[in-house]
Amino acid sequence: MKRTGEDMKLIKLLLVSKQGGLKGIIEKEEDITVIGATETERELRSLDVTAAVMPDVILFDVRSSWTHGQEMMVMLKEKHPSIPIVIRAAYPENHYLIEAISHGAAGYVLQDGGMEQVVAAIRQCANGQIVYPATVKSFLMKKLQQEGVGQGNAALEKAIEKLGSFSKREYELLILLTEGQTNQQISKKLYLSIGTVKNYISRLYKKMNVSNRPELMALLYKFQNRT
C-alpha cells in the first residue's frame, strides 16, 4: 500500500528473519525502512543499534523454530525493552500466542494472513497499539475461568500477590476483569460510575505494565501457572 503526504511517519524497522526476500518486500512500503536485518542469535548479539538509528519496531519472523524463537525473544526484550516487537509466526495455537504476549510481544500475526497483515501490524505497533488475534481474549478468559477464577483459586491469588501490592478495590476489579465482566457489569456490582471504573482499570493497567485485557489475562495466566 502506497502512502503519501507530508504527515506520513517514516517507520524504522529492525528485521529478524531467515527469509532473505522479506526485507525487499517490506521496503516496497514508502513509510517503512529496514535499518537492520539479522538471521542468527550471534548476529543479533553483535548488531550495533545506536541511538541515532534506533528502530521504531522489531519484526521477528519466528516460523522455523518456536523454542529458538522464545530464546531470541527474551534476548530482544533485554536489548531493546522499550521497542515494540511484532511476531510473525506459523503457529495458530493459543498457547504460542500466550507465550509471545508473556515475553512482551506487542503484535502477533500469522503467515497465512499475508504481508498486508504484517505491514498493518508494524504500523499499528509503531503507533503504540497492540495487535493480537481476536480469539485470544475469549480463550484466556475461558482458560482462567476453567481453572477456578473467582472461586477461591489459591494459584490466582498468589499470582496477583506476585504482581504487586493491590488495594481491596483493585483486587476486586482484577477478579471481575478475569471473569470477563464488562465495565457496565463491574459498575453495577461495585456500585461505581462507569467513569470511576475506567479510571481504576487504567491505573491497574499502568501498575501492571499492560495495555489491554488480553495482556492482563496473559500476565495472570503466566504467573498462575508458575506458582
Protein backbone atom coordinates (compact mmCIF):
# COMPACT_ATOMS: atom_id res chain seq x y z
CA MET A 1 0.00 0.00 0.00
CA LYS A 2 1.40 3.37 -1.05
CA ARG A 3 1.24 6.20 1.46
CA THR A 4 1.78 9.81 0.57
CA GLY A 5 1.54 13.15 2.31
CA GLU A 6 3.68 15.38 4.44
CA ASP A 7 2.33 13.81 7.62
CA MET A 8 3.48 10.31 6.65
CA LYS A 9 5.51 8.85 9.50
CA LEU A 10 8.67 7.01 8.48
CA ILE A 11 8.96 3.79 10.47
CA LYS A 12 12.44 2.42 11.14
CA LEU A 13 12.32 -1.38 11.30
CA LEU A 14 14.76 -3.95 12.64
CA LEU A 15 14.16 -7.27 10.89
CA VAL A 16 15.00 -10.61 12.49
CA SER A 17 14.34 -13.30 9.89
CA LYS A 18 15.88 -16.16 7.95
CA GLN A 19 13.71 -15.29 4.95
CA GLY A 20 16.06 -13.39 2.66
CA GLY A 21 13.38 -11.84 0.48
CA LEU A 22 11.37 -10.34 3.32
CA LYS A 23 13.44 -7.15 3.52
CA GLY A 24 12.79 -6.28 -0.10
CA ILE A 25 9.06 -6.92 0.19
CA ILE A 26 8.71 -4.69 3.26
CA GLU A 27 10.79 -1.88 1.80
CA LYS A 28 8.30 -1.53 -1.06
CA GLU A 29 6.24 0.36 1.51
CA GLU A 30 7.12 4.04 1.32
CA ASP A 31 6.72 4.62 5.05
CA ILE A 32 8.88 1.69 6.26
CA THR A 33 12.65 1.42 6.03
CA VAL A 34 14.64 -1.59 7.25
CA ILE A 35 17.60 -0.16 9.20
CA GLY A 36 19.00 -3.57 10.11
CA ALA A 37 18.46 -7.23 9.28
CA THR A 38 19.78 -10.27 11.08
CA GLU A 39 19.24 -14.02 10.86
CA THR A 40 21.05 -15.63 13.77
CA GLU A 41 21.38 -15.19 17.52
CA ARG A 42 25.07 -14.41 17.08
CA GLU A 43 24.36 -11.67 14.55
CA LEU A 44 21.69 -10.22 16.80
CA ARG A 45 24.05 -10.07 19.78
CA SER A 46 26.70 -8.27 17.76
CA LEU A 47 24.29 -5.93 15.98
CA ASP A 48 25.15 -2.33 16.82
CA VAL A 49 21.94 -0.32 17.06
CA THR A 50 22.85 3.21 18.10
CA ALA A 51 20.52 5.85 19.46
CA ALA A 52 20.72 7.66 16.12
CA VAL A 53 19.20 4.71 14.26
CA MET A 54 17.07 3.16 16.99
CA PRO A 55 14.25 1.15 15.39
CA ASP A 56 10.61 2.05 15.99
CA VAL A 57 9.54 -1.59 15.63
CA ILE A 58 11.22 -5.01 15.56
CA LEU A 59 9.71 -7.61 13.24
CA PHE A 60 10.61 -11.12 14.38
CA ASP A 61 9.90 -13.86 11.85
CA VAL A 62 9.70 -16.99 14.01
CA ARG A 63 8.28 -19.59 11.64
CA SER A 64 11.04 -22.20 11.79
CA SER A 65 11.51 -22.98 15.50
CA TRP A 66 9.35 -21.75 18.34
CA THR A 67 11.86 -22.82 21.02
CA HIS A 68 14.61 -20.88 19.29
CA GLY A 69 12.13 -18.06 18.81
CA GLN A 70 11.43 -17.84 22.53
CA GLU A 71 15.14 -17.56 23.30
CA MET A 72 15.60 -14.85 20.72
CA MET A 73 12.51 -13.03 22.00
CA VAL A 74 13.96 -12.87 25.52
CA MET A 75 17.21 -11.51 24.11
CA LEU A 76 15.40 -8.89 22.05
CA LYS A 77 13.48 -7.61 25.08
CA GLU A 78 16.70 -7.49 27.11
CA LYS A 79 18.48 -5.47 24.42
CA HIS A 80 15.53 -3.28 23.45
CA PRO A 81 12.94 -3.33 26.26
CA SER A 82 11.02 -0.27 25.07
CA ILE A 83 10.75 -1.18 21.37
CA PRO A 84 7.52 -2.94 20.29
CA ILE A 85 8.07 -6.38 18.78
CA VAL A 86 5.82 -7.90 16.14
CA ILE A 87 5.92 -11.69 15.89
CA ARG A 88 5.22 -13.32 12.55
CA ALA A 89 4.52 -16.99 13.22
CA ALA A 90 3.24 -20.17 11.65
CA TYR A 91 1.64 -21.26 14.91
CA PRO A 92 -2.08 -20.50 15.36
CA GLU A 93 -2.30 -22.39 18.66
CA ASN A 94 -3.31 -20.18 21.57
CA HIS A 95 -0.51 -21.30 23.90
CA TYR A 96 2.10 -19.94 21.49
CA LEU A 97 0.27 -16.62 21.45
CA ILE A 98 0.11 -16.55 25.26
CA GLU A 99 3.85 -17.21 25.47
CA ALA A 100 4.54 -14.44 22.96
CA ILE A 101 2.45 -11.96 24.97
CA SER A 102 4.11 -13.10 28.19
CA HIS A 103 7.51 -12.40 26.64
CA GLY A 104 6.41 -8.89 25.74
CA ALA A 105 5.26 -9.10 22.10
CA ALA A 106 3.20 -6.09 21.02
CA GLY A 107 1.89 -7.85 17.92
CA TYR A 108 1.30 -11.42 16.74
CA VAL A 109 0.37 -12.19 13.13
CA LEU A 110 0.16 -15.46 11.26
CA GLN A 111 1.96 -16.09 7.98
CA ASP A 112 -1.33 -17.25 6.45
CA GLY A 113 -2.61 -13.69 6.79
CA GLY A 114 -0.16 -12.47 4.17
CA MET A 115 2.15 -9.47 4.11
CA GLU A 116 -0.70 -6.96 4.30
CA GLN A 117 -1.39 -8.02 7.90
CA VAL A 118 2.32 -7.90 8.74
CA VAL A 119 2.71 -4.37 7.36
CA ALA A 120 -0.50 -3.24 9.10
CA ALA A 121 0.77 -4.66 12.41
CA ILE A 122 4.10 -2.85 12.01
CA ARG A 123 2.28 0.45 11.52
CA GLN A 124 -0.14 -0.14 14.39
CA CYS A 125 2.58 -1.14 16.84
CA ALA A 126 4.70 1.84 15.78
CA ASN A 127 1.77 3.98 16.89
CA GLY A 128 1.61 2.31 20.29
CA GLN A 129 -1.20 -0.12 19.55
CA ILE A 130 -1.42 -3.82 20.43
CA VAL A 131 -2.17 -6.33 17.67
CA TYR A 132 -3.39 -9.79 18.68
CA PRO A 133 -5.82 -12.25 17.05
CA ALA A 134 -9.40 -11.71 18.19
CA THR A 135 -9.55 -15.23 19.66
CA VAL A 136 -7.01 -14.56 22.42
CA LYS A 137 -9.35 -12.63 24.73
CA SER A 138 -12.09 -15.25 24.80
CA PHE A 139 -9.59 -18.08 25.07
CA LEU A 140 -7.75 -16.59 28.04
CA MET A 141 -10.95 -15.76 29.87
CA LYS A 142 -12.28 -19.26 29.33
CA LYS A 143 -8.98 -20.80 30.42
CA LEU A 144 -8.82 -18.78 33.62
CA GLN A 145 -12.46 -19.49 34.41
CA GLN A 146 -11.95 -23.23 33.92
CA GLU A 147 -9.15 -23.11 36.45
CA GLY A 148 -11.32 -21.52 39.11
CA VAL A 149 -11.07 -17.76 38.80
CA GLY A 150 -13.42 -16.04 41.22
CA GLN A 151 -13.93 -19.24 43.21
CA GLY A 152 -11.16 -19.01 45.77
CA ASN A 153 -8.43 -20.01 43.33
CA ALA A 154 -5.30 -20.02 45.50
CA ALA A 155 -2.97 -20.10 42.48
CA LEU A 156 -4.54 -16.98 41.02
CA GLU A 157 -4.42 -15.20 44.37
CA LYS A 158 -0.71 -15.97 44.65
CA ALA A 159 -0.19 -14.76 41.07
CA ILE A 160 -1.86 -11.45 41.90
CA GLU A 161 0.27 -11.12 45.04
CA LYS A 162 3.44 -11.67 42.98
CA LEU A 163 2.43 -8.98 40.51
CA GLY A 164 2.32 -6.26 43.15
CA SER A 165 0.54 -4.74 46.09
CA PHE A 166 -3.13 -4.11 45.38
CA SER A 167 -5.87 -2.47 47.37
CA LYS A 168 -9.07 -4.35 48.14
CA ARG A 169 -10.86 -2.46 45.36
CA GLU A 170 -8.10 -3.19 42.83
CA TYR A 171 -8.18 -6.86 43.75
CA GLU A 172 -11.96 -6.95 43.26
CA LEU A 173 -11.51 -5.34 39.87
CA LEU A 174 -8.85 -7.84 38.85
CA ILE A 175 -11.10 -10.76 39.68
CA LEU A 176 -14.06 -9.26 37.82
CA LEU A 177 -11.90 -8.49 34.80
CA THR A 178 -10.62 -12.07 34.63
CA GLU A 179 -14.22 -13.28 34.84
CA GLY A 180 -14.93 -11.36 31.66
CA GLN A 181 -17.18 -8.76 33.27
CA THR A 182 -17.83 -5.65 31.17
CA ASN A 183 -17.28 -2.15 32.53
CA GLN A 184 -21.05 -1.79 32.88
CA GLN A 185 -21.32 -5.04 34.86
CA ILE A 186 -18.41 -4.04 37.10
CA SER A 187 -20.05 -0.67 37.65
CA LYS A 188 -23.25 -2.30 38.89
CA LYS A 189 -21.51 -4.91 41.05
CA LEU A 190 -19.22 -2.43 42.80
CA TYR A 191 -21.71 0.47 42.84
CA LEU A 192 -19.29 2.71 40.94
CA SER A 193 -19.82 5.03 38.00
CA ILE A 194 -18.58 3.93 34.57
CA GLY A 195 -16.03 6.74 34.65
CA THR A 196 -14.67 5.60 38.01
CA VAL A 197 -14.40 2.01 36.77
CA LYS A 198 -12.49 3.16 33.69
CA ASN A 199 -10.12 5.19 35.84
CA TYR A 200 -9.47 2.23 38.13
CA ILE A 201 -8.82 -0.04 35.16
CA SER A 202 -6.44 2.47 33.56
CA ARG A 203 -4.47 2.71 36.79
CA LEU A 204 -4.37 -1.10 37.05
CA TYR A 205 -3.06 -1.41 33.51
CA LYS A 206 -0.35 1.13 34.25
CA LYS A 207 0.54 -0.58 37.52
CA MET A 208 0.81 -3.97 35.81
CA ASN A 209 2.52 -2.59 32.68
CA VAL A 210 -0.16 -3.88 30.31
CA SER A 211 -2.28 -2.09 27.72
CA ASN A 212 -5.47 -4.12 27.48
CA ARG A 213 -7.43 -7.08 28.83
CA PRO A 214 -5.77 -9.76 26.69
CA GLU A 215 -2.37 -8.67 28.01
CA LEU A 216 -3.75 -8.70 31.55
CA MET A 217 -5.13 -12.22 31.02
CA ALA A 218 -1.84 -13.46 29.63
CA LEU A 219 0.09 -11.96 32.52
CA LEU A 220 -2.16 -13.52 35.16
CA TYR A 221 -2.20 -16.83 33.30
CA LYS A 222 1.60 -16.88 33.14
CA PHE A 223 2.02 -16.17 36.86
CA GLN A 224 -0.79 -18.51 37.84
CA ASN A 225 0.94 -21.39 36.10
CA ARG A 226 4.31 -20.60 37.72
CA THR A 227 3.13 -20.67 41.31
